[in-house]
Amino acid sequence: MSHDTCCYIIAYDIPDDRRRARVYKILCGFGQWTQYSVFECFLTKKELVLLRARLAAHLNEREDSVRMYPLCQACVKHVLTVGGKPPREEHLYFS
C-alpha cells in the first residue's frame, strides 16, 4: 500500500435494485468487489471525496446505508482471509 492511499472496506445495504446496481457500478470503478455488498478500495483522500460525491448523488438517505471502514497500513497486513484472496492494492482507472 502506498503512503498516500488508505484501504477502505465499504459495505452497503440498499433495498432498491436500481440504486443498488448504480452503487455497485460506481464502486467497481474504485475497488475490488469481494463479497455481496462488500468492496475493498485503496483510495487517496481525493479519490475518497470523489467516491462519496458520486455515491451521494444516487442514495436515498432514509433507506440506504453505505459504511466505509478505513484500515491502516499495519491493519491491512494482518487481515485474515479464509477461502479467498487477501486485500491488495491495484491500480484502477475510473471515469
N, C-alpha and C. Protein backbone atom coordinates (compact mmCIF):
# COMPACT_ATOMS: atom_id res chain seq x y z
N MET A 1 0.86 -1.17 0.00
CA MET A 1 0.00 0.00 0.00
C MET A 1 0.90 1.22 0.00
N SER A 2 0.66 2.12 -0.93
CA SER A 2 1.47 3.33 -0.97
C SER A 2 1.07 4.26 0.17
N HIS A 3 1.95 5.19 0.49
CA HIS A 3 1.74 6.06 1.66
C HIS A 3 0.60 7.06 1.47
N ASP A 4 0.21 7.32 0.24
CA ASP A 4 -0.86 8.30 0.03
C ASP A 4 -2.23 7.65 -0.13
N THR A 5 -2.31 6.32 0.03
CA THR A 5 -3.60 5.65 -0.06
C THR A 5 -3.94 4.97 1.26
N CYS A 6 -5.22 4.73 1.43
CA CYS A 6 -5.73 4.02 2.60
C CYS A 6 -6.70 2.95 2.09
N CYS A 7 -6.68 1.80 2.72
CA CYS A 7 -7.62 0.74 2.37
C CYS A 7 -8.92 0.99 3.11
N TYR A 8 -10.03 0.96 2.37
CA TYR A 8 -11.35 1.10 2.95
C TYR A 8 -12.15 -0.16 2.65
N ILE A 9 -12.77 -0.69 3.67
CA ILE A 9 -13.75 -1.74 3.50
C ILE A 9 -15.09 -1.02 3.40
N ILE A 10 -15.77 -1.20 2.29
CA ILE A 10 -17.03 -0.49 2.05
C ILE A 10 -18.14 -1.53 1.96
N ALA A 11 -19.12 -1.37 2.83
CA ALA A 11 -20.28 -2.27 2.86
C ALA A 11 -21.53 -1.44 2.65
N TYR A 12 -22.47 -1.99 1.92
CA TYR A 12 -23.70 -1.24 1.67
C TYR A 12 -24.93 -2.11 1.81
N ASP A 13 -26.01 -1.47 2.21
CA ASP A 13 -27.31 -2.11 2.34
C ASP A 13 -28.31 -1.19 1.66
N ILE A 14 -28.75 -1.58 0.48
CA ILE A 14 -29.63 -0.73 -0.32
C ILE A 14 -30.79 -1.59 -0.81
N PRO A 15 -32.01 -1.32 -0.33
CA PRO A 15 -33.15 -2.17 -0.68
C PRO A 15 -33.62 -2.05 -2.13
N ASP A 16 -33.41 -0.93 -2.76
CA ASP A 16 -33.88 -0.71 -4.13
C ASP A 16 -32.88 -1.29 -5.14
N ASP A 17 -33.36 -2.15 -6.04
CA ASP A 17 -32.49 -2.81 -7.00
C ASP A 17 -31.75 -1.83 -7.91
N ARG A 18 -32.43 -0.82 -8.39
CA ARG A 18 -31.77 0.14 -9.30
C ARG A 18 -30.67 0.93 -8.60
N ARG A 19 -30.97 1.43 -7.42
CA ARG A 19 -29.94 2.18 -6.68
C ARG A 19 -28.78 1.26 -6.30
N ARG A 20 -29.09 0.04 -5.88
CA ARG A 20 -28.03 -0.91 -5.53
C ARG A 20 -27.14 -1.20 -6.73
N ALA A 21 -27.72 -1.36 -7.91
CA ALA A 21 -26.94 -1.60 -9.13
C ALA A 21 -26.05 -0.40 -9.46
N ARG A 22 -26.57 0.80 -9.27
CA ARG A 22 -25.76 2.01 -9.53
C ARG A 22 -24.58 2.10 -8.56
N VAL A 23 -24.84 1.82 -7.28
CA VAL A 23 -23.77 1.87 -6.28
C VAL A 23 -22.72 0.82 -6.59
N TYR A 24 -23.15 -0.38 -6.94
CA TYR A 24 -22.21 -1.45 -7.32
C TYR A 24 -21.33 -0.99 -8.48
N LYS A 25 -21.93 -0.42 -9.50
CA LYS A 25 -21.18 0.04 -10.67
C LYS A 25 -20.17 1.13 -10.30
N ILE A 26 -20.60 2.07 -9.47
CA ILE A 26 -19.69 3.14 -9.03
C ILE A 26 -18.51 2.53 -8.28
N LEU A 27 -18.79 1.64 -7.33
CA LEU A 27 -17.73 1.05 -6.52
C LEU A 27 -16.78 0.19 -7.35
N CYS A 28 -17.27 -0.43 -8.41
CA CYS A 28 -16.40 -1.22 -9.29
C CYS A 28 -15.29 -0.35 -9.90
N GLY A 29 -15.58 0.93 -10.07
CA GLY A 29 -14.58 1.84 -10.62
C GLY A 29 -13.55 2.29 -9.60
N PHE A 30 -13.75 1.94 -8.34
CA PHE A 30 -12.85 2.40 -7.28
C PHE A 30 -12.15 1.28 -6.54
N GLY A 31 -12.62 0.05 -6.68
CA GLY A 31 -12.02 -1.01 -5.89
C GLY A 31 -12.42 -2.40 -6.35
N GLN A 32 -12.16 -3.34 -5.49
CA GLN A 32 -12.37 -4.76 -5.77
C GLN A 32 -13.61 -5.27 -5.03
N TRP A 33 -14.55 -5.86 -5.76
CA TRP A 33 -15.72 -6.48 -5.17
C TRP A 33 -15.27 -7.78 -4.53
N THR A 34 -15.54 -7.98 -3.25
CA THR A 34 -15.04 -9.16 -2.56
C THR A 34 -16.15 -10.10 -2.11
N GLN A 35 -17.29 -9.56 -1.72
CA GLN A 35 -18.43 -10.36 -1.30
C GLN A 35 -19.68 -9.56 -1.61
N TYR A 36 -20.85 -10.20 -1.46
CA TYR A 36 -22.08 -9.46 -1.69
C TYR A 36 -22.05 -8.17 -0.87
N SER A 37 -22.23 -7.07 -1.54
CA SER A 37 -22.33 -5.75 -0.89
C SER A 37 -21.09 -5.33 -0.12
N VAL A 38 -19.92 -5.88 -0.46
CA VAL A 38 -18.67 -5.51 0.21
C VAL A 38 -17.57 -5.29 -0.84
N PHE A 39 -16.88 -4.16 -0.71
CA PHE A 39 -15.76 -3.83 -1.57
C PHE A 39 -14.53 -3.52 -0.73
N GLU A 40 -13.36 -3.74 -1.30
CA GLU A 40 -12.09 -3.28 -0.73
C GLU A 40 -11.53 -2.25 -1.71
N CYS A 41 -11.31 -1.05 -1.22
CA CYS A 41 -10.86 0.05 -2.08
C CYS A 41 -9.63 0.70 -1.47
N PHE A 42 -8.58 0.85 -2.25
CA PHE A 42 -7.40 1.60 -1.85
C PHE A 42 -7.54 2.98 -2.48
N LEU A 43 -7.75 3.99 -1.62
CA LEU A 43 -8.10 5.32 -2.09
C LEU A 43 -7.19 6.40 -1.52
N THR A 44 -6.92 7.40 -2.34
CA THR A 44 -6.29 8.61 -1.84
C THR A 44 -7.39 9.46 -1.22
N LYS A 45 -7.03 10.53 -0.55
CA LYS A 45 -8.03 11.42 0.02
C LYS A 45 -8.92 12.01 -1.07
N LYS A 46 -8.31 12.37 -2.19
CA LYS A 46 -9.06 12.95 -3.30
C LYS A 46 -10.04 11.93 -3.89
N GLU A 47 -9.61 10.68 -4.04
CA GLU A 47 -10.50 9.64 -4.56
C GLU A 47 -11.65 9.36 -3.60
N LEU A 48 -11.38 9.42 -2.30
CA LEU A 48 -12.44 9.21 -1.30
C LEU A 48 -13.50 10.30 -1.42
N VAL A 49 -13.08 11.54 -1.58
CA VAL A 49 -14.03 12.65 -1.74
C VAL A 49 -14.86 12.45 -3.01
N LEU A 50 -14.21 12.06 -4.10
CA LEU A 50 -14.90 11.83 -5.35
C LEU A 50 -15.90 10.68 -5.22
N LEU A 51 -15.49 9.59 -4.59
CA LEU A 51 -16.38 8.45 -4.40
C LEU A 51 -17.60 8.85 -3.57
N ARG A 52 -17.38 9.55 -2.48
CA ARG A 52 -18.50 9.97 -1.63
C ARG A 52 -19.49 10.85 -2.39
N ALA A 53 -18.97 11.74 -3.23
CA ALA A 53 -19.84 12.62 -4.02
C ALA A 53 -20.65 11.80 -5.03
N ARG A 54 -20.01 10.86 -5.69
CA ARG A 54 -20.73 10.04 -6.67
C ARG A 54 -21.80 9.19 -6.00
N LEU A 55 -21.48 8.62 -4.85
CA LEU A 55 -22.47 7.81 -4.14
C LEU A 55 -23.64 8.66 -3.67
N ALA A 56 -23.35 9.82 -3.12
CA ALA A 56 -24.39 10.69 -2.58
C ALA A 56 -25.43 11.06 -3.64
N ALA A 57 -25.00 11.15 -4.88
CA ALA A 57 -25.91 11.51 -5.96
C ALA A 57 -26.94 10.42 -6.25
N HIS A 58 -26.71 9.21 -5.75
CA HIS A 58 -27.60 8.09 -6.07
C HIS A 58 -28.28 7.46 -4.86
N LEU A 59 -27.97 7.93 -3.67
CA LEU A 59 -28.50 7.30 -2.47
C LEU A 59 -29.74 8.00 -1.94
N ASN A 60 -30.61 7.23 -1.33
CA ASN A 60 -31.75 7.74 -0.59
C ASN A 60 -31.35 7.63 0.89
N GLU A 61 -31.07 8.73 1.53
CA GLU A 61 -30.54 8.72 2.89
C GLU A 61 -31.46 8.06 3.91
N ARG A 62 -32.75 8.03 3.67
CA ARG A 62 -33.68 7.41 4.61
C ARG A 62 -33.74 5.89 4.46
N GLU A 63 -33.37 5.36 3.30
CA GLU A 63 -33.48 3.93 3.06
C GLU A 63 -32.14 3.22 2.91
N ASP A 64 -31.12 3.92 2.43
CA ASP A 64 -29.85 3.30 2.06
C ASP A 64 -28.78 3.54 3.12
N SER A 65 -27.85 2.61 3.18
CA SER A 65 -26.73 2.73 4.11
C SER A 65 -25.45 2.28 3.42
N VAL A 66 -24.45 3.13 3.46
CA VAL A 66 -23.11 2.79 2.96
C VAL A 66 -22.13 3.11 4.08
N ARG A 67 -21.34 2.12 4.46
CA ARG A 67 -20.35 2.29 5.53
C ARG A 67 -18.96 2.12 4.96
N MET A 68 -18.05 3.01 5.36
CA MET A 68 -16.66 2.97 4.89
C MET A 68 -15.75 2.84 6.10
N TYR A 69 -15.07 1.71 6.19
CA TYR A 69 -14.19 1.43 7.32
C TYR A 69 -12.75 1.55 6.87
N PRO A 70 -12.00 2.55 7.36
CA PRO A 70 -10.60 2.67 6.97
C PRO A 70 -9.74 1.65 7.72
N LEU A 71 -8.77 1.09 7.01
CA LEU A 71 -7.78 0.21 7.62
C LEU A 71 -6.40 0.83 7.44
N CYS A 72 -5.67 0.95 8.53
CA CYS A 72 -4.32 1.49 8.43
C CYS A 72 -3.43 0.46 7.73
N GLN A 73 -2.27 0.90 7.32
CA GLN A 73 -1.33 0.04 6.60
C GLN A 73 -0.97 -1.19 7.43
N ALA A 74 -0.77 -1.03 8.71
CA ALA A 74 -0.44 -2.16 9.59
C ALA A 74 -1.61 -3.13 9.68
N CYS A 75 -2.83 -2.61 9.72
CA CYS A 75 -4.01 -3.47 9.82
C CYS A 75 -4.21 -4.30 8.56
N VAL A 76 -3.97 -3.71 7.39
CA VAL A 76 -4.13 -4.44 6.14
C VAL A 76 -3.21 -5.66 6.12
N LYS A 77 -2.01 -5.51 6.67
CA LYS A 77 -1.05 -6.62 6.70
C LYS A 77 -1.54 -7.77 7.58
N HIS A 78 -2.45 -7.48 8.51
CA HIS A 78 -2.93 -8.50 9.44
C HIS A 78 -4.34 -9.00 9.13
N VAL A 79 -4.86 -8.65 7.96
CA VAL A 79 -6.19 -9.14 7.58
C VAL A 79 -6.12 -10.65 7.43
N LEU A 80 -7.04 -11.34 8.06
CA LEU A 80 -7.13 -12.79 7.95
C LEU A 80 -8.17 -13.13 6.90
N THR A 81 -7.79 -13.96 5.96
CA THR A 81 -8.69 -14.34 4.89
C THR A 81 -8.79 -15.85 4.84
N VAL A 82 -10.01 -16.37 4.85
CA VAL A 82 -10.25 -17.79 4.71
C VAL A 82 -11.06 -17.99 3.44
N GLY A 83 -10.53 -18.73 2.49
CA GLY A 83 -11.28 -19.01 1.27
C GLY A 83 -11.35 -17.88 0.28
N GLY A 84 -10.34 -17.09 0.17
CA GLY A 84 -10.29 -16.01 -0.80
C GLY A 84 -8.95 -15.33 -0.77
N LYS A 85 -8.83 -14.30 -1.56
CA LYS A 85 -7.57 -13.56 -1.63
C LYS A 85 -7.56 -12.42 -0.62
N PRO A 86 -6.42 -12.16 0.01
CA PRO A 86 -6.32 -11.01 0.93
C PRO A 86 -6.39 -9.70 0.15
N PRO A 87 -6.69 -8.59 0.82
CA PRO A 87 -6.75 -7.29 0.14
C PRO A 87 -5.41 -6.95 -0.50
N ARG A 88 -5.48 -6.39 -1.71
CA ARG A 88 -4.26 -5.95 -2.37
C ARG A 88 -4.58 -4.69 -3.17
N GLU A 89 -3.60 -3.85 -3.24
CA GLU A 89 -3.78 -2.58 -3.97
C GLU A 89 -3.60 -2.84 -5.45
N GLU A 90 -4.56 -2.40 -6.22
CA GLU A 90 -4.49 -2.47 -7.67
C GLU A 90 -4.65 -1.07 -8.21
N HIS A 91 -4.09 -0.83 -9.35
CA HIS A 91 -4.25 0.47 -9.97
C HIS A 91 -5.50 0.42 -10.84
N LEU A 92 -6.53 1.15 -10.42
CA LEU A 92 -7.77 1.19 -11.15
C LEU A 92 -7.95 2.56 -11.75
N TYR A 93 -8.60 2.56 -12.88
CA TYR A 93 -8.89 3.83 -13.54
C TYR A 93 -10.39 3.93 -13.68
N PHE A 94 -10.94 5.05 -13.27
CA PHE A 94 -12.39 5.22 -13.30
C PHE A 94 -12.72 6.50 -14.03
N SER A 95 -13.96 6.53 -14.51
CA SER A 95 -14.39 7.73 -15.24
C SER A 95 -15.43 8.49 -14.46
